[in-house]
Amino acid sequence: MTEEAQISQPEKSGRREIYIALIGVLGMCVTGFFSNLDKVFPEENVVTSVYSGYQPSSDAKTEVAYLLHITGAEAQMKQQQQQLFEIQKKQFSELLEGDPEILDKMYAIIDDELPKFNDKIFDVTLDIQSQHFTIQEIQELNKFYSTPIMKEYIRRQPAVLKTMMDEILPIALEFQSVVQERLGKEILSDL
């Protein structure tokens, strides 16, 4: 073997060791970076959820009842039924021309029957929801809606919906006016 061949063999071996060492150092750096990723990026960029105390049950109707409660759907149903009651009161008052004695008796009957009606509606709602979702899906929804951010979202929804209606009503009235005007000009004028 020549002298050059003898020198290059240890050089190649040395280079391999350097490459292996560099790969090892690079591996340590990458591992160190990923294992400390939570320290590289601040916590405010991480979405977290606080445990809500929700405990799943094995009964689908119990789970659906909790879902309707936590999402505010139960309260909304009761509110709508109360609004229906108020509309009926007004209609009866107009129909009976305000006879206080008869109206008081009618209101008492409605007040007596309304809770039974509410219970039936709630039971039907439980059955329908149970038919369309598995218990596991309902439990996942309950966990999701039990988080503080979803509770806050639900709490704010009535105000959001009221604001939306306040903003949308003028647009809807404008739409109605434009359609009526065009119908009058383009269709009804030809009749």
N, C-alpha and C. Protein backbone atom coordinates (compact mmCIF):
# COMPACT_ATOMS: atom_id res chain seq x y z
N MET A 1 0.82 -1.18 0.00
CA MET A 1 0.00 0.00 0.00
C MET A 1 0.86 1.23 0.00
N THR A 2 0.40 2.22 -0.71
CA THR A 2 1.16 3.46 -0.77
C THR A 2 0.89 4.27 0.47
N GLU A 3 1.74 5.26 0.65
CA GLU A 3 1.61 6.13 1.82
C GLU A 3 0.32 6.94 1.76
N GLU A 4 -0.08 7.36 0.58
CA GLU A 4 -1.33 8.12 0.42
C GLU A 4 -2.53 7.27 0.81
N ALA A 5 -2.53 6.01 0.41
CA ALA A 5 -3.63 5.12 0.73
C ALA A 5 -3.70 4.88 2.22
N GLN A 6 -2.55 4.79 2.87
CA GLN A 6 -2.54 4.59 4.31
C GLN A 6 -3.06 5.82 5.05
N ILE A 7 -2.81 7.00 4.58
CA ILE A 7 -3.26 8.24 5.24
C ILE A 7 -4.77 8.44 5.02
N SER A 8 -5.23 8.14 3.84
CA SER A 8 -6.64 8.40 3.54
C SER A 8 -7.56 7.45 4.31
N GLN A 9 -7.10 6.24 4.63
CA GLN A 9 -7.94 5.31 5.37
C GLN A 9 -8.27 5.86 6.76
N PRO A 10 -7.34 6.35 7.53
CA PRO A 10 -7.69 6.93 8.84
C PRO A 10 -8.50 8.22 8.68
N GLU A 11 -8.24 8.97 7.62
CA GLU A 11 -9.01 10.20 7.40
C GLU A 11 -10.47 9.86 7.16
N LYS A 12 -10.74 8.82 6.34
CA LYS A 12 -12.12 8.41 6.08
C LYS A 12 -12.77 7.94 7.37
N SER A 13 -12.03 7.19 8.15
CA SER A 13 -12.57 6.69 9.41
C SER A 13 -12.87 7.87 10.34
N GLY A 14 -12.02 8.87 10.36
CA GLY A 14 -12.22 10.06 11.20
C GLY A 14 -13.43 10.86 10.74
N ARG A 15 -13.58 10.95 9.43
CA ARG A 15 -14.74 11.69 8.91
C ARG A 15 -16.05 10.98 9.29
N ARG A 16 -16.04 9.66 9.20
CA ARG A 16 -17.25 8.92 9.58
C ARG A 16 -17.59 9.18 11.04
N GLU A 17 -16.59 9.17 11.87
CA GLU A 17 -16.83 9.42 13.29
C GLU A 17 -17.37 10.83 13.51
N ILE A 18 -16.87 11.78 12.75
CA ILE A 18 -17.36 13.16 12.85
C ILE A 18 -18.82 13.22 12.39
N TYR A 19 -19.13 12.55 11.27
CA TYR A 19 -20.52 12.53 10.77
C TYR A 19 -21.45 11.90 11.81
N ILE A 20 -21.01 10.79 12.37
CA ILE A 20 -21.83 10.11 13.38
C ILE A 20 -22.02 11.02 14.58
N ALA A 21 -20.98 11.69 15.01
CA ALA A 21 -21.08 12.61 16.14
C ALA A 21 -22.02 13.77 15.81
N LEU A 22 -21.91 14.32 14.59
CA LEU A 22 -22.80 15.41 14.18
C LEU A 22 -24.26 14.96 14.14
N ILE A 23 -24.51 13.76 13.62
CA ILE A 23 -25.87 13.23 13.60
C ILE A 23 -26.39 13.07 15.04
N GLY A 24 -25.54 12.59 15.93
CA GLY A 24 -25.93 12.44 17.34
C GLY A 24 -26.26 13.78 17.98
N VAL A 25 -25.41 14.78 17.73
CA VAL A 25 -25.65 16.12 18.27
C VAL A 25 -26.94 16.70 17.69
N LEU A 26 -27.13 16.55 16.39
CA LEU A 26 -28.34 17.03 15.74
C LEU A 26 -29.57 16.34 16.34
N GLY A 27 -29.49 15.04 16.55
CA GLY A 27 -30.60 14.30 17.17
C GLY A 27 -30.91 14.81 18.57
N MET A 28 -29.85 15.10 19.35
CA MET A 28 -30.07 15.65 20.69
C MET A 28 -30.74 17.02 20.61
N CYS A 29 -30.30 17.85 19.67
CA CYS A 29 -30.90 19.19 19.52
C CYS A 29 -32.37 19.10 19.14
N VAL A 30 -32.68 18.25 18.16
CA VAL A 30 -34.08 18.09 17.73
C VAL A 30 -34.93 17.55 18.88
N THR A 31 -34.43 16.53 19.57
CA THR A 31 -35.16 15.97 20.70
C THR A 31 -35.34 17.02 21.79
N GLY A 32 -34.29 17.76 22.08
CA GLY A 32 -34.39 18.82 23.08
C GLY A 32 -35.40 19.88 22.70
N PHE A 33 -35.41 20.26 21.43
CA PHE A 33 -36.36 21.27 20.95
C PHE A 33 -37.79 20.79 21.13
N PHE A 34 -38.08 19.58 20.63
CA PHE A 34 -39.46 19.09 20.71
C PHE A 34 -39.89 18.80 22.15
N SER A 35 -38.96 18.34 22.99
CA SER A 35 -39.36 18.05 24.36
C SER A 35 -39.57 19.33 25.17
N ASN A 36 -39.05 20.45 24.70
CA ASN A 36 -39.24 21.72 25.38
C ASN A 36 -40.10 22.69 24.58
N LEU A 37 -40.88 22.16 23.66
CA LEU A 37 -41.72 22.99 22.79
C LEU A 37 -42.68 23.85 23.60
N ASP A 38 -43.15 23.30 24.73
CA ASP A 38 -44.08 24.07 25.56
C ASP A 38 -43.40 25.29 26.17
N LYS A 39 -42.08 25.27 26.28
CA LYS A 39 -41.36 26.42 26.83
C LYS A 39 -40.96 27.41 25.74
N VAL A 40 -40.91 26.93 24.49
CA VAL A 40 -40.55 27.80 23.37
C VAL A 40 -41.70 28.74 23.04
N PHE A 41 -42.93 28.20 23.04
CA PHE A 41 -44.11 29.00 22.72
C PHE A 41 -44.88 29.28 24.01
N PRO A 42 -45.27 30.52 24.22
CA PRO A 42 -45.95 30.86 25.47
C PRO A 42 -47.30 30.15 25.62
N GLU A 43 -47.72 29.98 26.87
CA GLU A 43 -48.96 29.24 27.16
C GLU A 43 -50.20 29.92 26.64
N GLU A 44 -50.20 31.24 26.47
CA GLU A 44 -51.42 31.89 26.02
C GLU A 44 -51.82 31.48 24.61
N ASN A 45 -50.93 30.84 23.88
CA ASN A 45 -51.26 30.36 22.54
C ASN A 45 -51.81 28.94 22.56
N VAL A 46 -51.93 28.35 23.74
CA VAL A 46 -52.38 26.98 23.87
C VAL A 46 -53.82 26.98 24.37
N VAL A 47 -54.68 26.25 23.71
CA VAL A 47 -56.06 26.12 24.16
C VAL A 47 -56.11 25.05 25.24
N THR A 48 -56.65 25.41 26.39
CA THR A 48 -56.77 24.45 27.47
C THR A 48 -58.22 24.41 27.93
N SER A 49 -58.56 23.39 28.64
CA SER A 49 -59.92 23.25 29.15
C SER A 49 -59.85 22.82 30.61
N VAL A 50 -60.60 23.49 31.43
CA VAL A 50 -60.66 23.16 32.84
C VAL A 50 -61.71 22.07 33.03
N TYR A 51 -61.43 21.14 33.91
CA TYR A 51 -62.38 20.06 34.17
C TYR A 51 -63.66 20.66 34.73
N SER A 52 -64.77 20.26 34.19
CA SER A 52 -66.05 20.88 34.52
C SER A 52 -66.79 20.18 35.65
N GLY A 53 -66.42 18.98 35.99
CA GLY A 53 -67.14 18.23 36.99
C GLY A 53 -68.20 17.32 36.39
N TYR A 54 -68.35 17.36 35.07
CA TYR A 54 -69.34 16.51 34.39
C TYR A 54 -68.97 15.05 34.60
N GLN A 55 -69.95 14.25 35.01
CA GLN A 55 -69.76 12.82 35.20
C GLN A 55 -70.71 12.06 34.28
N PRO A 56 -70.20 11.36 33.27
CA PRO A 56 -71.08 10.61 32.36
C PRO A 56 -71.88 9.54 33.10
N SER A 57 -73.07 9.27 32.58
CA SER A 57 -73.88 8.18 33.13
C SER A 57 -74.10 7.15 32.02
N SER A 58 -74.71 6.04 32.37
CA SER A 58 -74.96 5.01 31.36
C SER A 58 -76.38 5.10 30.80
N ASP A 59 -77.15 6.12 31.23
CA ASP A 59 -78.53 6.28 30.79
C ASP A 59 -78.62 7.38 29.73
N ALA A 60 -79.08 7.00 28.55
CA ALA A 60 -79.14 7.95 27.43
C ALA A 60 -80.04 9.14 27.74
N LYS A 61 -81.19 8.89 28.36
CA LYS A 61 -82.11 10.00 28.65
C LYS A 61 -81.51 10.98 29.67
N THR A 62 -80.77 10.46 30.64
CA THR A 62 -80.10 11.33 31.60
C THR A 62 -79.07 12.19 30.89
N GLU A 63 -78.34 11.58 29.96
CA GLU A 63 -77.33 12.32 29.19
C GLU A 63 -77.98 13.40 28.33
N VAL A 64 -79.08 13.06 27.66
CA VAL A 64 -79.77 14.04 26.81
C VAL A 64 -80.34 15.16 27.67
N ALA A 65 -80.91 14.81 28.82
CA ALA A 65 -81.46 15.84 29.72
C ALA A 65 -80.36 16.81 30.14
N TYR A 66 -79.18 16.28 30.45
CA TYR A 66 -78.05 17.14 30.82
C TYR A 66 -77.65 18.02 29.63
N LEU A 67 -77.61 17.44 28.45
CA LEU A 67 -77.25 18.19 27.24
C LEU A 67 -78.24 19.34 27.01
N LEU A 68 -79.53 19.05 27.13
CA LEU A 68 -80.54 20.10 26.93
C LEU A 68 -80.41 21.18 27.99
N HIS A 69 -80.03 20.78 29.20
CA HIS A 69 -79.86 21.76 30.27
C HIS A 69 -78.61 22.62 30.03
N ILE A 70 -77.49 21.97 29.78
CA ILE A 70 -76.21 22.69 29.66
C ILE A 70 -76.17 23.60 28.44
N THR A 71 -76.87 23.22 27.37
CA THR A 71 -76.87 24.05 26.16
C THR A 71 -77.89 25.18 26.21
N GLY A 72 -78.75 25.15 27.23
CA GLY A 72 -79.78 26.18 27.34
C GLY A 72 -81.04 25.86 26.57
N ALA A 73 -81.07 24.70 25.90
CA ALA A 73 -82.25 24.33 25.11
C ALA A 73 -83.47 24.12 25.99
N GLU A 74 -83.27 23.57 27.17
CA GLU A 74 -84.39 23.34 28.10
C GLU A 74 -85.03 24.67 28.50
N ALA A 75 -84.21 25.63 28.88
CA ALA A 75 -84.72 26.95 29.27
C ALA A 75 -85.39 27.64 28.09
N GLN A 76 -84.82 27.48 26.91
CA GLN A 76 -85.40 28.09 25.72
C GLN A 76 -86.77 27.49 25.41
N MET A 77 -86.92 26.18 25.56
CA MET A 77 -88.22 25.53 25.34
C MET A 77 -89.26 26.08 26.31
N LYS A 78 -88.88 26.20 27.58
CA LYS A 78 -89.81 26.72 28.58
C LYS A 78 -90.18 28.17 28.28
N GLN A 79 -89.20 28.94 27.84
CA GLN A 79 -89.46 30.35 27.51
C GLN A 79 -90.43 30.44 26.33
N GLN A 80 -90.23 29.62 25.32
CA GLN A 80 -91.12 29.63 24.16
C GLN A 80 -92.54 29.21 24.56
N GLN A 81 -92.64 28.23 25.43
CA GLN A 81 -93.96 27.80 25.88
C GLN A 81 -94.64 28.89 26.70
N GLN A 82 -93.85 29.62 27.49
CA GLN A 82 -94.41 30.73 28.26
C GLN A 82 -94.89 31.83 27.31
N GLN A 83 -94.12 32.09 26.25
CA GLN A 83 -94.54 33.08 25.26
C GLN A 83 -95.83 32.65 24.58
N LEU A 84 -95.95 31.37 24.28
CA LEU A 84 -97.18 30.84 23.70
C LEU A 84 -98.35 31.05 24.65
N PHE A 85 -98.11 30.83 25.93
CA PHE A 85 -99.14 31.05 26.95
C PHE A 85 -99.58 32.51 26.95
N GLU A 86 -98.62 33.42 26.88
CA GLU A 86 -98.96 34.85 26.87
C GLU A 86 -99.77 35.23 25.63
N ILE A 87 -99.43 34.65 24.50
CA ILE A 87 -100.19 34.90 23.26
C ILE A 87 -101.62 34.38 23.41
N GLN A 88 -101.75 33.18 23.98
CA GLN A 88 -103.08 32.61 24.19
C GLN A 88 -103.90 33.48 25.15
N LYS A 89 -103.26 33.98 26.19
CA LYS A 89 -103.96 34.86 27.13
C LYS A 89 -104.52 36.09 26.41
N LYS A 90 -103.70 36.67 25.57
CA LYS A 90 -104.13 37.86 24.83
C LYS A 90 -105.28 37.53 23.88
N GLN A 91 -105.17 36.40 23.18
CA GLN A 91 -106.23 35.99 22.26
C GLN A 91 -107.53 35.73 23.01
N PHE A 92 -107.45 35.04 24.15
CA PHE A 92 -108.66 34.76 24.94
C PHE A 92 -109.26 36.06 25.47
N SER A 93 -108.39 36.96 25.89
CA SER A 93 -108.87 38.24 26.41
C SER A 93 -109.66 39.01 25.35
N GLU A 94 -109.13 39.01 24.12
CA GLU A 94 -109.83 39.69 23.02
C GLU A 94 -111.11 38.95 22.66
N LEU A 95 -111.06 37.64 22.65
CA LEU A 95 -112.22 36.82 22.28
C LEU A 95 -113.36 36.99 23.29
N LEU A 96 -113.01 37.02 24.56
CA LEU A 96 -114.04 37.12 25.60
C LEU A 96 -114.29 38.57 26.02
N GLU A 97 -113.73 39.48 25.29
CA GLU A 97 -113.91 40.92 25.52
C GLU A 97 -113.59 41.32 26.95
N GLY A 98 -112.61 40.69 27.52
CA GLY A 98 -112.08 41.11 28.81
C GLY A 98 -112.91 40.76 30.02
N ASP A 99 -113.80 39.76 29.98
CA ASP A 99 -114.58 39.35 31.16
C ASP A 99 -113.61 38.78 32.21
N PRO A 100 -113.33 39.53 33.28
CA PRO A 100 -112.30 39.15 34.24
C PRO A 100 -112.55 37.80 34.92
N GLU A 101 -113.77 37.49 35.26
CA GLU A 101 -114.05 36.24 35.97
C GLU A 101 -113.75 35.02 35.11
N ILE A 102 -114.21 35.04 33.88
CA ILE A 102 -113.97 33.92 32.96
C ILE A 102 -112.48 33.84 32.62
N LEU A 103 -111.86 34.99 32.38
CA LEU A 103 -110.43 35.01 32.04
C LEU A 103 -109.60 34.44 33.18
N ASP A 104 -109.90 34.80 34.42
CA ASP A 104 -109.16 34.27 35.56
C ASP A 104 -109.26 32.75 35.64
N LYS A 105 -110.47 32.21 35.39
CA LYS A 105 -110.66 30.76 35.40
C LYS A 105 -109.86 30.11 34.26
N MET A 106 -109.87 30.74 33.09
CA MET A 106 -109.12 30.19 31.95
C MET A 106 -107.62 30.21 32.23
N TYR A 107 -107.13 31.31 32.79
CA TYR A 107 -105.70 31.42 33.09
C TYR A 107 -105.30 30.37 34.13
N ALA A 108 -106.18 30.11 35.09
CA ALA A 108 -105.89 29.09 36.11
C ALA A 108 -105.79 27.71 35.47
N ILE A 109 -106.69 27.43 34.52
CA ILE A 109 -106.64 26.14 33.82
C ILE A 109 -105.35 26.02 33.02
N ILE A 110 -105.00 27.09 32.31
CA ILE A 110 -103.77 27.07 31.50
C ILE A 110 -102.56 26.93 32.41
N ASP A 111 -102.54 27.68 33.53
CA ASP A 111 -101.43 27.57 34.48
C ASP A 111 -101.30 26.15 35.04
N ASP A 112 -102.43 25.49 35.23
CA ASP A 112 -102.43 24.12 35.74
C ASP A 112 -101.94 23.13 34.70
N GLU A 113 -102.32 23.33 33.46
CA GLU A 113 -101.99 22.38 32.38
C GLU A 113 -100.60 22.61 31.78
N LEU A 114 -100.10 23.84 31.83
CA LEU A 114 -98.82 24.16 31.17
C LEU A 114 -97.66 23.30 31.66
N PRO A 115 -97.47 23.09 32.98
CA PRO A 115 -96.35 22.24 33.40
C PRO A 115 -96.44 20.81 32.84
N LYS A 116 -97.66 20.27 32.75
CA LYS A 116 -97.83 18.92 32.18
C LYS A 116 -97.44 18.92 30.71
N PHE A 117 -97.84 19.96 30.01
CA PHE A 117 -97.50 20.13 28.61
C PHE A 117 -95.98 20.23 28.45
N ASN A 118 -95.35 21.03 29.31
CA ASN A 118 -93.88 21.19 29.28
C ASN A 118 -93.19 19.84 29.48
N ASP A 119 -93.68 19.06 30.45
CA ASP A 119 -93.08 17.75 30.72
C ASP A 119 -93.20 16.81 29.52
N LYS A 120 -94.36 16.81 28.87
CA LYS A 120 -94.56 15.96 27.69
C LYS A 120 -93.62 16.37 26.56
N ILE A 121 -93.51 17.67 26.32
CA ILE A 121 -92.61 18.17 25.27
C ILE A 121 -91.17 17.77 25.58
N PHE A 122 -90.77 17.91 26.83
CA PHE A 122 -89.42 17.56 27.24
C PHE A 122 -89.16 16.07 27.04
N ASP A 123 -90.12 15.22 27.43
CA ASP A 123 -89.97 13.77 27.26
C ASP A 123 -89.86 13.39 25.78
N VAL A 124 -90.67 14.00 24.94
CA VAL A 124 -90.61 13.73 23.50
C VAL A 124 -89.25 14.16 22.96
N THR A 125 -88.77 15.32 23.42
CA THR A 125 -87.46 15.81 22.98
C THR A 125 -86.35 14.84 23.39
N LEU A 126 -86.43 14.33 24.62
CA LEU A 126 -85.44 13.34 25.08
C LEU A 126 -85.44 12.11 24.18
N ASP A 127 -86.63 11.61 23.87
CA ASP A 127 -86.74 10.42 23.01
C ASP A 127 -86.15 10.68 21.62
N ILE A 128 -86.49 11.82 21.04
CA ILE A 128 -86.02 12.13 19.68
C ILE A 128 -84.50 12.26 19.66
N GLN A 129 -83.94 12.99 20.62
CA GLN A 129 -82.48 13.14 20.68
C GLN A 129 -81.80 11.78 20.87
N SER A 130 -82.38 10.94 21.72
CA SER A 130 -81.80 9.61 21.99
C SER A 130 -81.82 8.72 20.74
N GLN A 131 -82.78 8.94 19.86
CA GLN A 131 -82.86 8.15 18.63
C GLN A 131 -81.81 8.57 17.60
N HIS A 132 -81.38 9.81 17.64
CA HIS A 132 -80.50 10.33 16.60
C HIS A 132 -79.02 10.37 17.01
N PHE A 133 -78.72 10.16 18.29
CA PHE A 133 -77.34 10.19 18.76
C PHE A 133 -77.08 8.97 19.64
N THR A 134 -75.85 8.46 19.56
CA THR A 134 -75.48 7.39 20.48
C THR A 134 -75.18 8.01 21.83
N ILE A 135 -75.18 7.18 22.86
CA ILE A 135 -74.88 7.70 24.19
C ILE A 135 -73.45 8.26 24.24
N GLN A 136 -72.53 7.63 23.51
CA GLN A 136 -71.15 8.11 23.49
C GLN A 136 -71.08 9.50 22.85
N GLU A 137 -71.83 9.72 21.79
CA GLU A 137 -71.85 11.04 21.14
C GLU A 137 -72.42 12.10 22.08
N ILE A 138 -73.48 11.74 22.77
CA ILE A 138 -74.09 12.69 23.71
C ILE A 138 -73.12 13.00 24.85
N GLN A 139 -72.42 11.98 25.34
CA GLN A 139 -71.44 12.21 26.40
C GLN A 139 -70.32 13.13 25.93
N GLU A 140 -69.86 12.94 24.70
CA GLU A 140 -68.82 13.84 24.16
C GLU A 140 -69.34 15.27 24.05
N LEU A 141 -70.59 15.42 23.59
CA LEU A 141 -71.19 16.76 23.52
C LEU A 141 -71.31 17.37 24.92
N ASN A 142 -71.69 16.56 25.90
CA ASN A 142 -71.80 17.06 27.27
C ASN A 142 -70.46 17.53 27.81
N LYS A 143 -69.41 16.77 27.53
CA LYS A 143 -68.07 17.18 27.96
C LYS A 143 -67.71 18.51 27.31
N PHE A 144 -67.99 18.61 26.01
CA PHE A 144 -67.66 19.82 25.26
C PHE A 144 -68.43 21.03 25.79
N TYR A 145 -69.74 20.89 25.95
CA TYR A 145 -70.56 22.01 26.40
C TYR A 145 -70.36 22.33 27.88
N SER A 146 -69.70 21.44 28.63
CA SER A 146 -69.44 21.68 30.04
C SER A 146 -68.16 22.48 30.27
N THR A 147 -67.39 22.71 29.23
CA THR A 147 -66.16 23.48 29.40
C THR A 147 -66.51 24.94 29.69
N PRO A 148 -65.66 25.64 30.42
CA PRO A 148 -65.96 27.04 30.75
C PRO A 148 -66.21 27.92 29.52
N ILE A 149 -65.46 27.73 28.45
CA ILE A 149 -65.64 28.59 27.28
C ILE A 149 -66.99 28.35 26.63
N MET A 150 -67.44 27.10 26.59
CA MET A 150 -68.75 26.83 25.99
C MET A 150 -69.87 27.31 26.90
N LYS A 151 -69.69 27.19 28.22
CA LYS A 151 -70.69 27.73 29.14
C LYS A 151 -70.82 29.24 28.93
N GLU A 152 -69.70 29.91 28.77
CA GLU A 152 -69.72 31.36 28.54
C GLU A 152 -70.35 31.68 27.19
N TYR A 153 -70.03 30.89 26.18
CA TYR A 153 -70.63 31.08 24.85
C TYR A 153 -72.15 30.98 24.93
N ILE A 154 -72.62 29.95 25.60
CA ILE A 154 -74.07 29.74 25.74
C ILE A 154 -74.69 30.87 26.55
N ARG A 155 -74.01 31.31 27.59
CA ARG A 155 -74.54 32.40 28.42
C ARG A 155 -74.73 33.68 27.61
N ARG A 156 -73.83 33.92 26.66
CA ARG A 156 -73.89 35.15 25.86
C ARG A 156 -74.84 35.06 24.67
N GLN A 157 -75.29 33.88 24.31
CA GLN A 157 -76.09 33.72 23.09
C GLN A 157 -77.39 34.52 23.07
N PRO A 158 -78.14 34.64 24.17
CA PRO A 158 -79.35 35.46 24.08
C PRO A 158 -79.05 36.90 23.67
N ALA A 159 -77.99 37.49 24.20
CA ALA A 159 -77.63 38.86 23.83
C ALA A 159 -77.17 38.92 22.37
N VAL A 160 -76.40 37.91 21.95
CA VAL A 160 -75.94 37.86 20.55
C VAL A 160 -77.14 37.75 19.61
N LEU A 161 -78.08 36.86 19.93
CA LEU A 161 -79.25 36.68 19.07
C LEU A 161 -80.11 37.92 19.03
N LYS A 162 -80.26 38.61 20.18
CA LYS A 162 -81.04 39.84 20.19
C LYS A 162 -80.38 40.89 19.31
N THR A 163 -79.07 41.04 19.44
CA THR A 163 -78.34 42.00 18.60
C THR A 163 -78.48 41.64 17.13
N MET A 164 -78.37 40.34 16.83
CA MET A 164 -78.53 39.92 15.43
C MET A 164 -79.91 40.26 14.91
N MET A 165 -80.94 39.99 15.72
CA MET A 165 -82.30 40.30 15.28
C MET A 165 -82.48 41.80 15.09
N ASP A 166 -81.90 42.59 15.99
CA ASP A 166 -81.99 44.05 15.85
C ASP A 166 -81.34 44.52 14.55
N GLU A 167 -80.25 43.86 14.17
CA GLU A 167 -79.54 44.23 12.94
C GLU A 167 -80.21 43.65 11.70
N ILE A 168 -80.76 42.45 11.82
CA ILE A 168 -81.34 41.76 10.67
C ILE A 168 -82.73 42.27 10.33
N LEU A 169 -83.50 42.68 11.34
CA LEU A 169 -84.87 43.13 11.10
C LEU A 169 -84.96 44.24 10.06
N PRO A 170 -84.14 45.30 10.15
CA PRO A 170 -84.22 46.33 9.11
C PRO A 170 -83.89 45.79 7.71
N ILE A 171 -82.96 44.85 7.64
CA ILE A 171 -82.61 44.26 6.35
C ILE A 171 -83.79 43.45 5.82
N ALA A 172 -84.44 42.69 6.70
CA ALA A 172 -85.60 41.89 6.29
C ALA A 172 -86.74 42.80 5.84
N LEU A 173 -86.95 43.90 6.56
CA LEU A 173 -88.01 44.84 6.17
C LEU A 173 -87.69 45.51 4.84
N GLU A 174 -86.42 45.82 4.63
CA GLU A 174 -86.00 46.40 3.34
C GLU A 174 -86.24 45.40 2.22
N PHE A 175 -85.88 44.14 2.44
CA PHE A 175 -86.11 43.08 1.46
C PHE A 175 -87.60 42.99 1.13
N GLN A 176 -88.42 42.98 2.15
CA GLN A 176 -89.87 42.89 1.95
C GLN A 176 -90.37 44.08 1.14
N SER A 177 -89.88 45.26 1.45
CA SER A 177 -90.29 46.47 0.74
C SER A 177 -89.87 46.43 -0.73
N VAL A 178 -88.63 46.01 -0.98
CA VAL A 178 -88.11 45.94 -2.35
C VAL A 178 -88.91 44.92 -3.16
N VAL A 179 -89.18 43.75 -2.57
CA VAL A 179 -89.94 42.72 -3.27
C VAL A 179 -91.35 43.21 -3.57
N GLN A 180 -91.99 43.83 -2.58
CA GLN A 180 -93.35 44.34 -2.80
C GLN A 180 -93.36 45.40 -3.91
N GLU A 181 -92.38 46.28 -3.88
CA GLU A 181 -92.30 47.33 -4.90
C GLU A 181 -92.12 46.72 -6.29
N ARG A 182 -91.20 45.78 -6.40
CA ARG A 182 -90.96 45.14 -7.70
C ARG A 182 -92.16 44.33 -8.17
N LEU A 183 -92.80 43.63 -7.25
CA LEU A 183 -94.01 42.88 -7.61
C LEU A 183 -95.07 43.84 -8.15
N GLY A 184 -95.21 44.97 -7.48
CA GLY A 184 -96.19 45.96 -7.94
C GLY A 184 -95.87 46.50 -9.32
N LYS A 185 -94.61 46.79 -9.57
CA LYS A 185 -94.20 47.37 -10.85
C LYS A 185 -94.14 46.33 -11.97
N GLU A 186 -93.54 45.18 -11.69
CA GLU A 186 -93.23 44.22 -12.74
C GLU A 186 -94.32 43.17 -12.99
N ILE A 187 -95.15 42.91 -12.02
CA ILE A 187 -96.15 41.85 -12.20
C ILE A 187 -97.57 42.40 -12.08
N LEU A 188 -97.85 43.05 -10.98
CA LEU A 188 -99.22 43.48 -10.73
C LEU A 188 -99.67 44.59 -11.67
N SER A 189 -98.75 45.41 -12.14
CA SER A 189 -99.14 46.49 -13.06
C SER A 189 -99.62 45.94 -14.40
N ASP A 190 -99.17 44.74 -14.77
CA ASP A 190 -99.58 44.13 -16.04
C ASP A 190 -100.95 43.45 -15.93
N LEU A 191 -101.42 43.22 -14.74
CA LEU A 191 -102.70 42.50 -14.57
C LEU A 191 -103.89 43.40 -14.75
